[in-house]
Amino acid sequence: MKLTAVLLLVTLMTCCYSATAVETCPLLLDVLTKFLLASHEDYMEAIAPFAPTDEVKQAACDLKQCTLKVSRATAEANAQILQNVMEKCAELPQKR
């Protein structure tokens, strides 16, 4: 669960650093959603373009194993937190 908290904080930082959540790369949201809710195969497919080496792929695989150990309800609650963060970031004034 600590890993999920770290992921949520990194997401918050990333989203809020940019002008709006809309400017945050939609691929990031897709990968994070699949990290929390999708099957191992779907997650690995989502990160494939970003995992150039076998070592990175193995690290992603190991990371995904953490989410497979939590209940579906917990994963959905964490996904809801991510959605709430993205919505809150969209409300922030734009930085120029």
PDB file of N, CA and C in Angstrom:
ATOM      1  N   MET A   1       0.815  -1.184   0.000  1.00  0.00           N
ATOM      2  CA  MET A   1       0.000   0.000   0.000  1.00  0.00           C
ATOM      3  C   MET A   1       0.869   1.263   0.000  1.00  0.00           C
ATOM      4  N   LYS A   2       2.050   1.184   0.608  1.00  0.00           N
ATOM      5  CA  LYS A   2       2.952   2.333   0.621  1.00  0.00           C
ATOM      6  C   LYS A   2       3.339   2.720  -0.799  1.00  0.00           C
ATOM      7  N   LEU A   3       3.527   1.725  -1.661  1.00  0.00           N
ATOM      8  CA  LEU A   3       3.883   1.984  -3.048  1.00  0.00           C
ATOM      9  C   LEU A   3       2.779   2.766  -3.742  1.00  0.00           C
ATOM     10  N   THR A   4       1.550   2.415  -3.474  1.00  0.00           N
ATOM     11  CA  THR A   4       0.427   3.122  -4.077  1.00  0.00           C
ATOM     12  C   THR A   4       0.393   4.567  -3.609  1.00  0.00           C
ATOM     13  N   ALA A   5       0.659   4.804  -2.335  1.00  0.00           N
ATOM     14  CA  ALA A   5       0.686   6.168  -1.822  1.00  0.00           C
ATOM     15  C   ALA A   5       1.765   6.992  -2.512  1.00  0.00           C
ATOM     16  N   VAL A   6       2.915   6.397  -2.717  1.00  0.00           N
ATOM     17  CA  VAL A   6       3.996   7.091  -3.421  1.00  0.00           C
ATOM     18  C   VAL A   6       3.568   7.409  -4.842  1.00  0.00           C
ATOM     19  N   LEU A   7       2.954   6.452  -5.504  1.00  0.00           N
ATOM     20  CA  LEU A   7       2.481   6.662  -6.875  1.00  0.00           C
ATOM     21  C   LEU A   7       1.474   7.799  -6.933  1.00  0.00           C
ATOM     22  N   LEU A   8       0.563   7.851  -5.974  1.00  0.00           N
ATOM     23  CA  LEU A   8      -0.424   8.922  -5.952  1.00  0.00           C
ATOM     24  C   LEU A   8       0.236  10.284  -5.748  1.00  0.00           C
ATOM     25  N   LEU A   9       1.229  10.337  -4.883  1.00  0.00           N
ATOM     26  CA  LEU A   9       1.927  11.602  -4.649  1.00  0.00           C
ATOM     27  C   LEU A   9       2.703  12.059  -5.886  1.00  0.00           C
ATOM     28  N   VAL A  10       3.334  11.121  -6.576  1.00  0.00           N
ATOM     29  CA  VAL A  10       4.060  11.461  -7.798  1.00  0.00           C
ATOM     30  C   VAL A  10       3.088  11.960  -8.858  1.00  0.00           C
ATOM     31  N   THR A  11       1.941  11.320  -8.949  1.00  0.00           N
ATOM     32  CA  THR A  11       0.930  11.750  -9.908  1.00  0.00           C
ATOM     33  C   THR A  11       0.450  13.161  -9.587  1.00  0.00           C
ATOM     34  N   LEU A  12       0.194  13.419  -8.318  1.00  0.00           N
ATOM     35  CA  LEU A  12      -0.231  14.749  -7.903  1.00  0.00           C
ATOM     36  C   LEU A  12       0.815  15.792  -8.274  1.00  0.00           C
ATOM     37  N   MET A  13       2.062  15.493  -7.985  1.00  0.00           N
ATOM     38  CA  MET A  13       3.140  16.419  -8.304  1.00  0.00           C
ATOM     39  C   MET A  13       3.224  16.659  -9.807  1.00  0.00           C
ATOM     40  N   THR A  14       3.142  15.613 -10.582  1.00  0.00           N
ATOM     41  CA  THR A  14       3.243  15.723 -12.036  1.00  0.00           C
ATOM     42  C   THR A  14       2.095  16.535 -12.605  1.00  0.00           C
ATOM     43  N   CYS A  15       0.897  16.240 -12.157  1.00  0.00           N
ATOM     44  CA  CYS A  15      -0.282  16.937 -12.677  1.00  0.00           C
ATOM     45  C   CYS A  15      -0.288  18.402 -12.278  1.00  0.00           C
ATOM     46  N   CYS A  16       0.021  18.656 -11.057  1.00  0.00           N
ATOM     47  CA  CYS A  16      -0.076  20.025 -10.557  1.00  0.00           C
ATOM     48  C   CYS A  16       1.101  20.881 -10.991  1.00  0.00           C
ATOM     49  N   TYR A  17       2.178  20.276 -11.387  1.00  0.00           N
ATOM     50  CA  TYR A  17       3.312  21.045 -11.887  1.00  0.00           C
ATOM     51  C   TYR A  17       2.986  21.634 -13.254  1.00  0.00           C
ATOM     52  N   SER A  18       2.292  20.859 -14.063  1.00  0.00           N
ATOM     53  CA  SER A  18       1.921  21.376 -15.386  1.00  0.00           C
ATOM     54  C   SER A  18       0.769  22.361 -15.221  1.00  0.00           C
ATOM     55  N   ALA A  19       0.472  23.081 -16.275  1.00  0.00           N
ATOM     56  CA  ALA A  19      -0.560  24.112 -16.198  1.00  0.00           C
ATOM     57  C   ALA A  19      -1.913  23.536 -15.807  1.00  0.00           C
ATOM     58  N   THR A  20      -2.278  22.426 -16.416  1.00  0.00           N
ATOM     59  CA  THR A  20      -3.546  21.786 -16.074  1.00  0.00           C
ATOM     60  C   THR A  20      -3.386  20.289 -16.219  1.00  0.00           C
ATOM     61  N   ALA A  21      -4.342  19.577 -15.668  1.00  0.00           N
ATOM     62  CA  ALA A  21      -4.324  18.123 -15.824  1.00  0.00           C
ATOM     63  C   ALA A  21      -4.519  17.730 -17.280  1.00  0.00           C
ATOM     64  N   VAL A  22      -5.196  18.575 -18.041  1.00  0.00           N
ATOM     65  CA  VAL A  22      -5.404  18.279 -19.457  1.00  0.00           C
ATOM     66  C   VAL A  22      -4.069  18.232 -20.177  1.00  0.00           C
ATOM     67  N   GLU A  23      -3.126  19.066 -19.720  1.00  0.00           N
ATOM     68  CA  GLU A  23      -1.818  19.077 -20.354  1.00  0.00           C
ATOM     69  C   GLU A  23      -0.971  17.869 -19.951  1.00  0.00           C
ATOM     70  N   THR A  24      -1.373  17.188 -18.898  1.00  0.00           N
ATOM     71  CA  THR A  24      -0.657  15.986 -18.507  1.00  0.00           C
ATOM     72  C   THR A  24      -0.873  14.937 -19.590  1.00  0.00           C
ATOM     73  N   CYS A  25       0.167  14.281 -19.929  1.00  0.00           N
ATOM     74  CA  CYS A  25       0.113  13.290 -20.998  1.00  0.00           C
ATOM     75  C   CYS A  25      -0.965  12.245 -20.726  1.00  0.00           C
ATOM     76  N   PRO A  26      -1.883  12.052 -21.671  1.00  0.00           N
ATOM     77  CA  PRO A  26      -2.927  11.049 -21.469  1.00  0.00           C
ATOM     78  C   PRO A  26      -2.353   9.638 -21.343  1.00  0.00           C
ATOM     79  N   LEU A  27      -1.159   9.428 -21.887  1.00  0.00           N
ATOM     80  CA  LEU A  27      -0.524   8.122 -21.732  1.00  0.00           C
ATOM     81  C   LEU A  27      -0.210   7.827 -20.272  1.00  0.00           C
ATOM     82  N   LEU A  28       0.156   8.865 -19.529  1.00  0.00           N
ATOM     83  CA  LEU A  28       0.433   8.683 -18.103  1.00  0.00           C
ATOM     84  C   LEU A  28      -0.806   8.183 -17.383  1.00  0.00           C
ATOM     85  N   LEU A  29      -1.922   8.809 -17.629  1.00  0.00           N
ATOM     86  CA  LEU A  29      -3.163   8.387 -16.997  1.00  0.00           C
ATOM     87  C   LEU A  29      -3.535   6.971 -17.407  1.00  0.00           C
ATOM     88  N   ASP A  30      -3.343   6.644 -18.679  1.00  0.00           N
ATOM     89  CA  ASP A  30      -3.641   5.295 -19.167  1.00  0.00           C
ATOM     90  C   ASP A  30      -2.766   4.261 -18.465  1.00  0.00           C
ATOM     91  N   VAL A  31      -1.477   4.532 -18.374  1.00  0.00           N
ATOM     92  CA  VAL A  31      -0.561   3.584 -17.731  1.00  0.00           C
ATOM     93  C   VAL A  31      -0.897   3.443 -16.243  1.00  0.00           C
ATOM     94  N   LEU A  32      -1.172   4.558 -15.584  1.00  0.00           N
ATOM     95  CA  LEU A  32      -1.500   4.488 -14.150  1.00  0.00           C
ATOM     96  C   LEU A  32      -2.805   3.737 -13.907  1.00  0.00           C
ATOM     97  N   THR A  33      -3.784   3.973 -14.761  1.00  0.00           N
ATOM     98  CA  THR A  33      -5.056   3.258 -14.630  1.00  0.00           C
ATOM     99  C   THR A  33      -4.847   1.764 -14.835  1.00  0.00           C
ATOM    100  N   LYS A  34      -4.072   1.419 -15.827  1.00  0.00           N
ATOM    101  CA  LYS A  34      -3.802  -0.005 -16.073  1.00  0.00           C
ATOM    102  C   LYS A  34      -2.943  -0.600 -14.972  1.00  0.00           C
ATOM    103  N   PHE A  35      -2.065   0.210 -14.402  1.00  0.00           N
ATOM    104  CA  PHE A  35      -1.269  -0.256 -13.268  1.00  0.00           C
ATOM    105  C   PHE A  35      -2.190  -0.653 -12.121  1.00  0.00           C
ATOM    106  N   LEU A  36      -3.205   0.146 -11.861  1.00  0.00           N
ATOM    107  CA  LEU A  36      -4.081  -0.112 -10.724  1.00  0.00           C
ATOM    108  C   LEU A  36      -5.171  -1.132 -11.014  1.00  0.00           C
ATOM    109  N   LEU A  37      -5.726  -1.136 -12.231  1.00  0.00           N
ATOM    110  CA  LEU A  37      -6.957  -1.893 -12.468  1.00  0.00           C
ATOM    111  C   LEU A  37      -6.878  -3.003 -13.513  1.00  0.00           C
ATOM    112  N   ALA A  38      -5.955  -2.925 -14.426  1.00  0.00           N
ATOM    113  CA  ALA A  38      -5.958  -3.867 -15.549  1.00  0.00           C
ATOM    114  C   ALA A  38      -5.208  -5.158 -15.215  1.00  0.00           C
ATOM    115  N   SER A  39      -5.320  -6.067 -16.122  1.00  0.00           N
ATOM    116  CA  SER A  39      -4.588  -7.326 -15.980  1.00  0.00           C
ATOM    117  C   SER A  39      -3.096  -7.082 -16.178  1.00  0.00           C
ATOM    118  N   HIS A  40      -2.320  -8.046 -15.776  1.00  0.00           N
ATOM    119  CA  HIS A  40      -0.871  -7.971 -15.951  1.00  0.00           C
ATOM    120  C   HIS A  40      -0.528  -7.782 -17.421  1.00  0.00           C
ATOM    121  N   GLU A  41      -1.202  -8.522 -18.287  1.00  0.00           N
ATOM    122  CA  GLU A  41      -0.920  -8.453 -19.717  1.00  0.00           C
ATOM    123  C   GLU A  41      -1.234  -7.071 -20.286  1.00  0.00           C
ATOM    124  N   ASP A  42      -2.382  -6.506 -19.893  1.00  0.00           N
ATOM    125  CA  ASP A  42      -2.757  -5.183 -20.399  1.00  0.00           C
ATOM    126  C   ASP A  42      -1.778  -4.105 -19.926  1.00  0.00           C
ATOM    127  N   TYR A  43      -1.344  -4.222 -18.671  1.00  0.00           N
ATOM    128  CA  TYR A  43      -0.376  -3.255 -18.144  1.00  0.00           C
ATOM    129  C   TYR A  43       0.947  -3.360 -18.896  1.00  0.00           C
ATOM    130  N   MET A  44       1.427  -4.573 -19.102  1.00  0.00           N
ATOM    131  CA  MET A  44       2.699  -4.762 -19.795  1.00  0.00           C
ATOM    132  C   MET A  44       2.616  -4.243 -21.233  1.00  0.00           C
ATOM    133  N   GLU A  45       1.464  -4.414 -21.856  1.00  0.00           N
ATOM    134  CA  GLU A  45       1.269  -3.882 -23.212  1.00  0.00           C
ATOM    135  C   GLU A  45       1.307  -2.351 -23.186  1.00  0.00           C
ATOM    136  N   ALA A  46       0.715  -1.741 -22.165  1.00  0.00           N
ATOM    137  CA  ALA A  46       0.674  -0.277 -22.066  1.00  0.00           C
ATOM    138  C   ALA A  46       2.061   0.315 -21.850  1.00  0.00           C
ATOM    139  N   ILE A  47       2.907  -0.374 -21.103  1.00  0.00           N
ATOM    140  CA  ILE A  47       4.236   0.178 -20.813  1.00  0.00           C
ATOM    141  C   ILE A  47       5.288  -0.256 -21.819  1.00  0.00           C
ATOM    142  N   ALA A  48       4.944  -1.151 -22.717  1.00  0.00           N
ATOM    143  CA  ALA A  48       5.909  -1.684 -23.684  1.00  0.00           C
ATOM    144  C   ALA A  48       6.700  -0.600 -24.437  1.00  0.00           C
ATOM    145  N   PRO A  49       6.046   0.467 -24.913  1.00  0.00           N
ATOM    146  CA  PRO A  49       6.823   1.488 -25.632  1.00  0.00           C
ATOM    147  C   PRO A  49       7.815   2.235 -24.748  1.00  0.00           C
ATOM    148  N   PHE A  50       7.653   2.120 -23.449  1.00  0.00           N
ATOM    149  CA  PHE A  50       8.487   2.873 -22.512  1.00  0.00           C
ATOM    150  C   PHE A  50       9.485   1.987 -21.770  1.00  0.00           C
ATOM    151  N   ALA A  51       9.500   0.728 -22.091  1.00  0.00           N
ATOM    152  CA  ALA A  51      10.377  -0.225 -21.412  1.00  0.00           C
ATOM    153  C   ALA A  51      11.349  -0.819 -22.424  1.00  0.00           C
ATOM    154  N   PRO A  52      12.465  -0.125 -22.669  1.00  0.00           N
ATOM    155  CA  PRO A  52      13.365  -0.512 -23.750  1.00  0.00           C
ATOM    156  C   PRO A  52      14.223  -1.745 -23.472  1.00  0.00           C
ATOM    157  N   THR A  53      14.398  -2.105 -22.207  1.00  0.00           N
ATOM    158  CA  THR A  53      15.276  -3.234 -21.906  1.00  0.00           C
ATOM    159  C   THR A  53      14.528  -4.290 -21.104  1.00  0.00           C
ATOM    160  N   ASP A  54      15.081  -5.479 -21.084  1.00  0.00           N
ATOM    161  CA  ASP A  54      14.483  -6.558 -20.297  1.00  0.00           C
ATOM    162  C   ASP A  54      14.478  -6.217 -18.807  1.00  0.00           C
ATOM    163  N   GLU A  55      15.511  -5.502 -18.372  1.00  0.00           N
ATOM    164  CA  GLU A  55      15.583  -5.112 -16.956  1.00  0.00           C
ATOM    165  C   GLU A  55      14.432  -4.177 -16.584  1.00  0.00           C
ATOM    166  N   VAL A  56      14.131  -3.235 -17.452  1.00  0.00           N
ATOM    167  CA  VAL A  56      13.030  -2.299 -17.200  1.00  0.00           C
ATOM    168  C   VAL A  56      11.696  -3.042 -17.259  1.00  0.00           C
ATOM    169  N   LYS A  57      11.553  -3.947 -18.210  1.00  0.00           N
ATOM    170  CA  LYS A  57      10.327  -4.743 -18.304  1.00  0.00           C
ATOM    171  C   LYS A  57      10.124  -5.584 -17.053  1.00  0.00           C
ATOM    172  N   GLN A  58      11.207  -6.161 -16.537  1.00  0.00           N
ATOM    173  CA  GLN A  58      11.104  -6.958 -15.321  1.00  0.00           C
ATOM    174  C   GLN A  58      10.721  -6.096 -14.124  1.00  0.00           C
ATOM    175  N   ALA A  59      11.280  -4.893 -14.060  1.00  0.00           N
ATOM    176  CA  ALA A  59      10.941  -3.972 -12.973  1.00  0.00           C
ATOM    177  C   ALA A  59       9.452  -3.610 -13.036  1.00  0.00           C
ATOM    178  N   ALA A  60       8.935  -3.362 -14.237  1.00  0.00           N
ATOM    179  CA  ALA A  60       7.517  -3.053 -14.408  1.00  0.00           C
ATOM    180  C   ALA A  60       6.656  -4.244 -14.012  1.00  0.00           C
ATOM    181  N   CYS A  61       7.090  -5.411 -14.371  1.00  0.00           N
ATOM    182  CA  CYS A  61       6.384  -6.638 -14.016  1.00  0.00           C
ATOM    183  C   CYS A  61       6.338  -6.806 -12.496  1.00  0.00           C
ATOM    184  N   ASP A  62       7.472  -6.583 -11.850  1.00  0.00           N
ATOM    185  CA  ASP A  62       7.536  -6.685 -10.391  1.00  0.00           C
ATOM    186  C   ASP A  62       6.625  -5.663  -9.733  1.00  0.00           C
ATOM    187  N   LEU A  63       6.606  -4.460 -10.279  1.00  0.00           N
ATOM    188  CA  LEU A  63       5.766  -3.405  -9.737  1.00  0.00           C
ATOM    189  C   LEU A  63       4.288  -3.773  -9.857  1.00  0.00           C
ATOM    190  N   LYS A  64       3.900  -4.292 -10.998  1.00  0.00           N
ATOM    191  CA  LYS A  64       2.503  -4.679 -11.218  1.00  0.00           C
ATOM    192  C   LYS A  64       2.085  -5.776 -10.247  1.00  0.00           C
ATOM    193  N   GLN A  65       3.000  -6.645  -9.883  1.00  0.00           N
ATOM    194  CA  GLN A  65       2.671  -7.719  -8.945  1.00  0.00           C
ATOM    195  C   GLN A  65       2.146  -7.155  -7.623  1.00  0.00           C
ATOM    196  N   CYS A  66       2.612  -5.973  -7.243  1.00  0.00           N
ATOM    197  CA  CYS A  66       2.139  -5.343  -6.002  1.00  0.00           C
ATOM    198  C   CYS A  66       0.641  -5.059  -6.070  1.00  0.00           C
ATOM    199  N   THR A  67       0.178  -4.573  -7.216  1.00  0.00           N
ATOM    200  CA  THR A  67      -1.241  -4.224  -7.319  1.00  0.00           C
ATOM    201  C   THR A  67      -2.113  -5.465  -7.433  1.00  0.00           C
ATOM    202  N   LEU A  68      -1.551  -6.548  -7.892  1.00  0.00           N
ATOM    203  CA  LEU A  68      -2.337  -7.770  -8.007  1.00  0.00           C
ATOM    204  C   LEU A  68      -2.619  -8.389  -6.641  1.00  0.00           C
ATOM    205  N   LYS A  69      -1.911  -7.915  -5.620  1.00  0.00           N
ATOM    206  CA  LYS A  69      -2.087  -8.444  -4.264  1.00  0.00           C
ATOM    207  C   LYS A  69      -3.168  -7.720  -3.478  1.00  0.00           C
ATOM    208  N   VAL A  70      -3.628  -6.571  -3.975  1.00  0.00           N
ATOM    209  CA  VAL A  70      -4.670  -5.829  -3.265  1.00  0.00           C
ATOM    210  C   VAL A  70      -6.034  -6.196  -3.830  1.00  0.00           C
ATOM    211  N   SER A  71      -7.050  -5.969  -3.037  1.00  0.00           N
ATOM    212  CA  SER A  71      -8.406  -6.299  -3.484  1.00  0.00           C
ATOM    213  C   SER A  71      -8.838  -5.369  -4.610  1.00  0.00           C
ATOM    214  N   ARG A  72      -9.812  -5.802  -5.355  1.00  0.00           N
ATOM    215  CA  ARG A  72     -10.364  -4.976  -6.444  1.00  0.00           C
ATOM    216  C   ARG A  72     -10.925  -3.669  -5.871  1.00  0.00           C
ATOM    217  N   ALA A  73     -11.572  -3.754  -4.719  1.00  0.00           N
ATOM    218  CA  ALA A  73     -12.139  -2.559  -4.092  1.00  0.00           C
ATOM    219  C   ALA A  73     -11.048  -1.551  -3.739  1.00  0.00           C
ATOM    220  N   THR A  74      -9.923  -2.031  -3.236  1.00  0.00           N
ATOM    221  CA  THR A  74      -8.807  -1.147  -2.906  1.00  0.00           C
ATOM    222  C   THR A  74      -8.233  -0.523  -4.171  1.00  0.00           C
ATOM    223  N   ALA A  75      -8.070  -1.316  -5.209  1.00  0.00           N
ATOM    224  CA  ALA A  75      -7.551  -0.797  -6.475  1.00  0.00           C
ATOM    225  C   ALA A  75      -8.487   0.260  -7.048  1.00  0.00           C
ATOM    226  N   GLU A  76      -9.786   0.014  -6.990  1.00  0.00           N
ATOM    227  CA  GLU A  76     -10.750   0.985  -7.501  1.00  0.00           C
ATOM    228  C   GLU A  76     -10.744   2.259  -6.659  1.00  0.00           C
ATOM    229  N   ALA A  77     -10.573   2.128  -5.353  1.00  0.00           N
ATOM    230  CA  ALA A  77     -10.495   3.309  -4.490  1.00  0.00           C
ATOM    231  C   ALA A  77      -9.263   4.137  -4.841  1.00  0.00           C
ATOM    232  N   ASN A  78      -8.151   3.478  -5.089  1.00  0.00           N
ATOM    233  CA  ASN A  78      -6.934   4.196  -5.485  1.00  0.00           C
ATOM    234  C   ASN A  78      -7.097   4.861  -6.848  1.00  0.00           C
ATOM    235  N   ALA A  79      -7.779   4.196  -7.750  1.00  0.00           N
ATOM    236  CA  ALA A  79      -8.046   4.798  -9.063  1.00  0.00           C
ATOM    237  C   ALA A  79      -8.941   6.026  -8.910  1.00  0.00           C
ATOM    238  N   GLN A  80      -9.884   5.958  -7.984  1.00  0.00           N
ATOM    239  CA  GLN A  80     -10.753   7.111  -7.728  1.00  0.00           C
ATOM    240  C   GLN A  80      -9.940   8.286  -7.193  1.00  0.00           C
ATOM    241  N   ILE A  81      -8.969   7.998  -6.334  1.00  0.00           N
ATOM    242  CA  ILE A  81      -8.100   9.053  -5.826  1.00  0.00           C
ATOM    243  C   ILE A  81      -7.352   9.711  -6.984  1.00  0.00           C
ATOM    244  N   LEU A  82      -6.818   8.894  -7.888  1.00  0.00           N
ATOM    245  CA  LEU A  82      -6.118   9.452  -9.055  1.00  0.00           C
ATOM    246  C   LEU A  82      -7.045  10.337  -9.880  1.00  0.00           C
ATOM    247  N   GLN A  83      -8.266   9.884 -10.085  1.00  0.00           N
ATOM    248  CA  GLN A  83      -9.227  10.686 -10.841  1.00  0.00           C
ATOM    249  C   GLN A  83      -9.504  12.001 -10.117  1.00  0.00           C
ATOM    250  N   ASN A  84      -9.667  11.950  -8.807  1.00  0.00           N
ATOM    251  CA  ASN A  84      -9.910  13.164  -8.028  1.00  0.00           C
ATOM    252  C   ASN A  84      -8.728  14.126  -8.128  1.00  0.00           C
ATOM    253  N   VAL A  85      -7.523  13.583  -8.099  1.00  0.00           N
ATOM    254  CA  VAL A  85      -6.320  14.411  -8.231  1.00  0.00           C
ATOM    255  C   VAL A  85      -6.310  15.099  -9.590  1.00  0.00           C
ATOM    256  N   MET A  86      -6.595  14.352 -10.634  1.00  0.00           N
ATOM    257  CA  MET A  86      -6.599  14.924 -11.976  1.00  0.00           C
ATOM    258  C   MET A  86      -7.648  16.025 -12.094  1.00  0.00           C
ATOM    259  N   GLU A  87      -8.825  15.802 -11.515  1.00  0.00           N
ATOM    260  CA  GLU A  87      -9.875  16.817 -11.565  1.00  0.00           C
ATOM    261  C   GLU A  87      -9.457  18.067 -10.794  1.00  0.00           C
ATOM    262  N   LYS A  88      -8.838  17.882  -9.643  1.00  0.00           N
ATOM    263  CA  LYS A  88      -8.388  19.023  -8.842  1.00  0.00           C
ATOM    264  C   LYS A  88      -7.302  19.803  -9.587  1.00  0.00           C
ATOM    265  N   CYS A  89      -6.396  19.091 -10.226  1.00  0.00           N
ATOM    266  CA  CYS A  89      -5.343  19.751 -10.992  1.00  0.00           C
ATOM    267  C   CYS A  89      -5.925  20.570 -12.140  1.00  0.00           C
ATOM    268  N   ALA A  90      -6.997  20.085 -12.728  1.00  0.00           N
ATOM    269  CA  ALA A  90      -7.633  20.810 -13.838  1.00  0.00           C
ATOM    270  C   ALA A  90      -8.207  22.132 -13.348  1.00  0.00           C
ATOM    271  N   GLU A  91      -8.536  22.228 -12.064  1.00  0.00           N
ATOM    272  CA  GLU A  91      -9.097  23.439 -11.501  1.00  0.00           C
ATOM    273  C   GLU A  91      -8.033  24.497 -11.179  1.00  0.00           C
ATOM    274  N   LEU A  92      -6.781  24.095 -11.118  1.00  0.00           N
ATOM    275  CA  LEU A  92      -5.719  25.019 -10.748  1.00  0.00           C
ATOM    276  C   LEU A  92      -5.508  26.067 -11.823  1.00  0.00           C
ATOM    277  N   PRO A  93      -5.115  27.268 -11.434  1.00  0.00           N
ATOM    278  CA  PRO A  93      -4.839  28.295 -12.451  1.00  0.00           C
ATOM    279  C   PRO A  93      -3.665  27.884 -13.313  1.00  0.00           C
ATOM    280  N   GLN A  94      -3.710  28.262 -14.556  1.00  0.00           N
ATOM    281  CA  GLN A  94      -2.642  27.902 -15.490  1.00  0.00           C
ATOM    282  C   GLN A  94      -1.387  28.704 -15.192  1.00  0.00           C
ATOM    283  N   LYS A  95      -0.245  28.016 -15.283  1.00  0.00           N
ATOM    284  CA  LYS A  95       1.055  28.663 -15.124  1.00  0.00           C
ATOM    285  C   LYS A  95       1.593  28.984 -16.507  1.00  0.00           C
ATOM    286  N   ARG A  96       2.097  30.136 -16.685  1.00  0.00           N
ATOM    287  CA  ARG A  96       2.664  30.513 -17.978  1.00  0.00           C
ATOM    288  C   ARG A  96       4.038  31.039 -17.784  1.00  0.00           C
TER     289      ARG A  96
END
